Amino acid sequence: MDEELRMLTERLRRESGGTAAYERLTGPVGQDELAAVLTEPGQPLWARELAAFRLGVAGDRRAFEALVLLLNHRDPPRCASAAHALARLGDPRTARAAAALATNELRVAYALHPVRLLVELRAPESVPALITTLRRRLKPHDPYRRVALACVDGLGTLGDDRARPVLNEALAHPPLAEAAVRALTLIPRQR
């Protein structure tokens, strides 16, 4: 069993109370039945999350909207499972949605997983979104250092020369300086 699926099912077993509905959704169930859970009224959040996750990792694009909503949830484990499934979904809308969530200043407290997803996707939207998000985090006393650090690390991983200016700015911020030095060494020099 995939580690992400194992952690998800353990968490949702506790949340659901291990009901018969939970057992049914973790068993051998068809994709149409899982998709129905996403649209049927009155379904608990744990059931929608489980159905969306299973559809997402199976590449069923009917899970896209539910997974994007979960990616922006206030509960970090839900965001992490949604990011995992979205990375495997293969939907061309994923990077644009993750970039929109990562750069939304009203939801910056929940931007960590969208930032990490953008790095994993390596999409054309990734570097511009990480640069924008990091630049906004470089103000004094910004409370979202984990998001800023994820941007710095991600820009290093992506190795795009467009990130040099914002990473050089990050050097002036002690909590980010060491990571910024590391990231800058990962970006190949343009000739």
Protein backbone atom coordinates (compact mmCIF):
# COMPACT_ATOMS: atom_id res chain seq x y z
CA MET A 1 0.00 0.00 0.00
CA ASP A 2 1.24 3.47 -0.92
CA GLU A 3 2.43 5.36 2.20
CA GLU A 4 0.24 8.38 1.42
CA LEU A 5 -2.83 6.13 1.07
CA ARG A 6 -1.98 4.33 4.31
CA MET A 7 -1.72 7.61 6.25
CA LEU A 8 -4.93 8.88 4.66
CA THR A 9 -6.92 5.74 5.46
CA GLU A 10 -5.68 5.65 9.06
CA ARG A 11 -6.64 9.30 9.59
CA LEU A 12 -10.03 8.89 7.92
CA ARG A 13 -10.76 5.64 9.80
CA ARG A 14 -10.46 7.63 13.04
CA GLU A 15 -12.47 10.54 11.65
CA SER A 16 -15.26 8.31 10.32
CA GLY A 17 -15.37 6.07 13.36
CA GLY A 18 -14.65 3.06 11.13
CA THR A 19 -18.23 2.91 9.89
CA ALA A 20 -19.56 0.53 7.26
CA ALA A 21 -19.54 3.44 4.79
CA TYR A 22 -15.82 3.91 5.44
CA GLU A 23 -15.14 0.19 4.94
CA ARG A 24 -17.10 0.26 1.67
CA LEU A 25 -15.12 3.23 0.32
CA THR A 26 -11.77 1.68 1.20
CA GLY A 27 -12.68 -1.64 -0.39
CA PRO A 28 -12.99 -2.67 -4.01
CA VAL A 29 -15.35 0.01 -5.30
CA GLY A 30 -15.70 1.28 -8.85
CA GLN A 31 -14.75 4.74 -10.02
CA ASP A 32 -18.37 5.63 -10.85
CA GLU A 33 -19.38 4.89 -7.28
CA LEU A 34 -16.48 6.98 -5.96
CA ALA A 35 -17.42 9.84 -8.29
CA ALA A 36 -21.01 9.68 -7.02
CA VAL A 37 -19.73 10.33 -3.48
CA LEU A 38 -18.37 13.66 -4.71
CA THR A 39 -21.76 14.84 -5.95
CA GLU A 40 -24.28 13.22 -3.60
CA PRO A 41 -25.69 15.65 -1.03
CA GLY A 42 -25.01 14.99 2.62
CA GLN A 43 -21.72 13.13 2.20
CA PRO A 44 -19.30 13.76 5.08
CA LEU A 45 -16.00 15.47 4.33
CA TRP A 46 -13.98 12.34 5.08
CA ALA A 47 -15.95 10.39 2.44
CA ARG A 48 -15.47 13.10 -0.18
CA GLU A 49 -11.75 13.27 0.60
CA LEU A 50 -11.32 9.51 0.36
CA ALA A 51 -13.27 9.30 -2.91
CA ALA A 52 -11.39 12.25 -4.44
CA PHE A 53 -8.03 10.83 -3.40
CA ARG A 54 -8.74 7.39 -4.85
CA LEU A 55 -10.05 8.88 -8.10
CA GLY A 56 -7.12 11.29 -8.33
CA VAL A 57 -4.40 8.67 -7.98
CA ALA A 58 -6.29 6.56 -10.54
CA GLY A 59 -6.14 9.47 -12.99
CA ASP A 60 -9.91 10.11 -13.03
CA ARG A 61 -10.37 13.82 -13.71
CA ARG A 62 -13.78 13.88 -12.03
CA ALA A 63 -11.79 14.36 -8.81
CA PHE A 64 -10.16 17.62 -9.90
CA GLU A 65 -12.53 20.16 -8.32
CA ALA A 66 -12.79 18.29 -5.02
CA LEU A 67 -9.03 17.90 -4.81
CA VAL A 68 -8.41 21.60 -5.49
CA LEU A 69 -10.85 22.51 -2.71
CA LEU A 70 -9.03 20.12 -0.37
CA LEU A 71 -5.65 21.56 -1.41
CA ASN A 72 -6.82 24.87 0.03
CA HIS A 73 -8.30 23.41 3.24
CA ARG A 74 -7.31 24.70 6.68
CA ASP A 75 -6.33 21.16 7.77
CA PRO A 76 -2.73 20.43 6.59
CA PRO A 77 -3.19 16.63 6.30
CA ARG A 78 -6.11 17.19 3.90
CA CYS A 79 -3.95 19.57 1.86
CA ALA A 80 -1.12 17.05 1.75
CA SER A 81 -3.32 14.19 0.56
CA ALA A 82 -4.92 16.44 -2.07
CA ALA A 83 -1.49 17.56 -3.33
CA HIS A 84 -0.38 13.93 -3.58
CA ALA A 85 -3.44 12.96 -5.60
CA LEU A 86 -3.31 16.07 -7.81
CA ALA A 87 0.31 15.36 -8.69
CA ARG A 88 -0.77 11.96 -10.00
CA LEU A 89 -4.04 13.03 -11.61
CA GLY A 90 -2.51 14.32 -14.82
CA ASP A 91 -5.06 17.10 -15.29
CA PRO A 92 -3.65 20.05 -17.26
CA ARG A 93 -5.57 22.49 -15.02
CA THR A 94 -3.65 21.45 -11.91
CA ALA A 95 -0.65 23.76 -12.20
CA ARG A 96 -2.80 26.82 -12.90
CA ALA A 97 -5.01 26.03 -9.89
CA ALA A 98 -2.00 25.44 -7.62
CA ALA A 99 -0.41 28.70 -8.81
CA ALA A 100 -3.63 30.60 -8.09
CA LEU A 101 -3.78 29.14 -4.57
CA ALA A 102 -0.07 29.75 -3.87
CA THR A 103 -0.27 33.40 -4.91
CA ASN A 104 -3.59 34.24 -3.22
CA GLU A 105 -2.63 36.63 -0.40
CA LEU A 106 -5.98 36.10 1.32
CA ARG A 107 -5.19 32.38 1.69
CA VAL A 108 -1.41 32.52 2.18
CA ALA A 109 -1.71 30.63 5.48
CA TYR A 110 -2.69 27.60 3.38
CA ALA A 111 -0.15 28.07 0.55
CA LEU A 112 2.48 25.57 1.73
CA HIS A 113 1.05 22.54 -0.07
CA PRO A 114 0.23 24.39 -3.30
CA VAL A 115 3.85 25.64 -3.35
CA ARG A 116 5.19 22.12 -2.86
CA LEU A 117 2.84 20.80 -5.53
CA LEU A 118 4.10 23.40 -8.01
CA VAL A 119 7.66 22.22 -7.41
CA GLU A 120 6.65 18.60 -7.99
CA LEU A 121 4.75 19.46 -11.17
CA ARG A 122 7.60 21.48 -12.71
CA ALA A 123 5.01 23.23 -14.87
CA PRO A 124 5.51 26.53 -16.74
CA GLU A 125 3.45 28.24 -13.99
CA SER A 126 5.71 26.96 -11.19
CA VAL A 127 8.64 29.38 -11.21
CA PRO A 128 6.60 32.60 -11.72
CA ALA A 129 4.19 31.61 -8.93
CA LEU A 130 6.99 30.74 -6.50
CA ILE A 131 8.81 34.00 -7.28
CA THR A 132 5.62 36.01 -6.68
CA THR A 133 4.84 34.19 -3.44
CA LEU A 134 8.38 34.49 -2.11
CA ARG A 135 8.69 38.18 -2.99
CA ARG A 136 5.54 38.87 -0.92
CA ARG A 137 7.03 36.97 2.03
CA LEU A 138 10.15 39.16 2.12
CA LYS A 139 8.59 41.91 4.18
CA PRO A 140 9.65 42.47 7.80
CA HIS A 141 7.93 40.26 10.36
CA ASP A 142 6.04 38.20 7.78
CA PRO A 143 4.42 35.32 9.73
CA TYR A 144 4.54 32.82 6.85
CA ARG A 145 8.19 31.76 7.00
CA ARG A 146 7.37 28.11 6.23
CA VAL A 147 5.78 29.21 2.96
CA ALA A 148 8.78 31.43 2.18
CA LEU A 149 11.21 28.61 2.95
CA ALA A 150 9.25 26.21 0.73
CA CYS A 151 9.47 28.77 -2.09
CA VAL A 152 13.23 29.18 -1.62
CA ASP A 153 13.82 25.43 -1.56
CA GLY A 154 11.47 24.92 -4.51
CA LEU A 155 13.16 27.57 -6.62
CA GLY A 156 16.49 25.87 -5.98
CA THR A 157 15.04 22.51 -6.96
CA LEU A 158 13.56 23.97 -10.16
CA GLY A 159 16.93 25.56 -11.00
CA ASP A 160 15.53 28.36 -13.15
CA ASP A 161 17.72 31.44 -13.62
CA ARG A 162 14.68 33.74 -13.32
CA ALA A 163 14.74 33.00 -9.57
CA ARG A 164 18.17 34.56 -8.95
CA PRO A 165 16.95 38.11 -8.14
CA VAL A 166 14.38 37.04 -5.53
CA LEU A 167 16.76 34.49 -4.01
CA ASN A 168 19.40 37.23 -3.73
CA GLU A 169 16.80 39.35 -1.91
CA ALA A 170 16.10 36.41 0.42
CA LEU A 171 19.76 36.42 1.48
CA ALA A 172 19.02 39.54 3.55
CA HIS A 173 16.48 37.64 5.68
CA PRO A 174 18.26 35.55 8.34
CA PRO A 175 15.62 32.78 8.53
CA LEU A 176 15.93 32.27 4.75
CA ALA A 177 19.58 33.08 4.09
CA GLU A 178 21.06 29.59 4.43
CA ALA A 179 18.37 28.05 2.23
CA ALA A 180 18.78 30.87 -0.31
CA VAL A 181 22.53 30.23 -0.55
CA ARG A 182 21.83 26.54 -1.11
CA ALA A 183 19.16 27.32 -3.73
CA LEU A 184 21.42 29.71 -5.62
CA THR A 185 24.12 27.03 -5.88
CA LEU A 186 21.59 24.73 -7.58
CA ILE A 187 20.81 27.20 -10.36
CA PRO A 188 23.16 26.80 -13.33
CA ARG A 189 24.97 29.97 -14.38
CA GLN A 190 23.86 31.45 -17.72
CA ARG A 191 26.68 31.94 -20.22
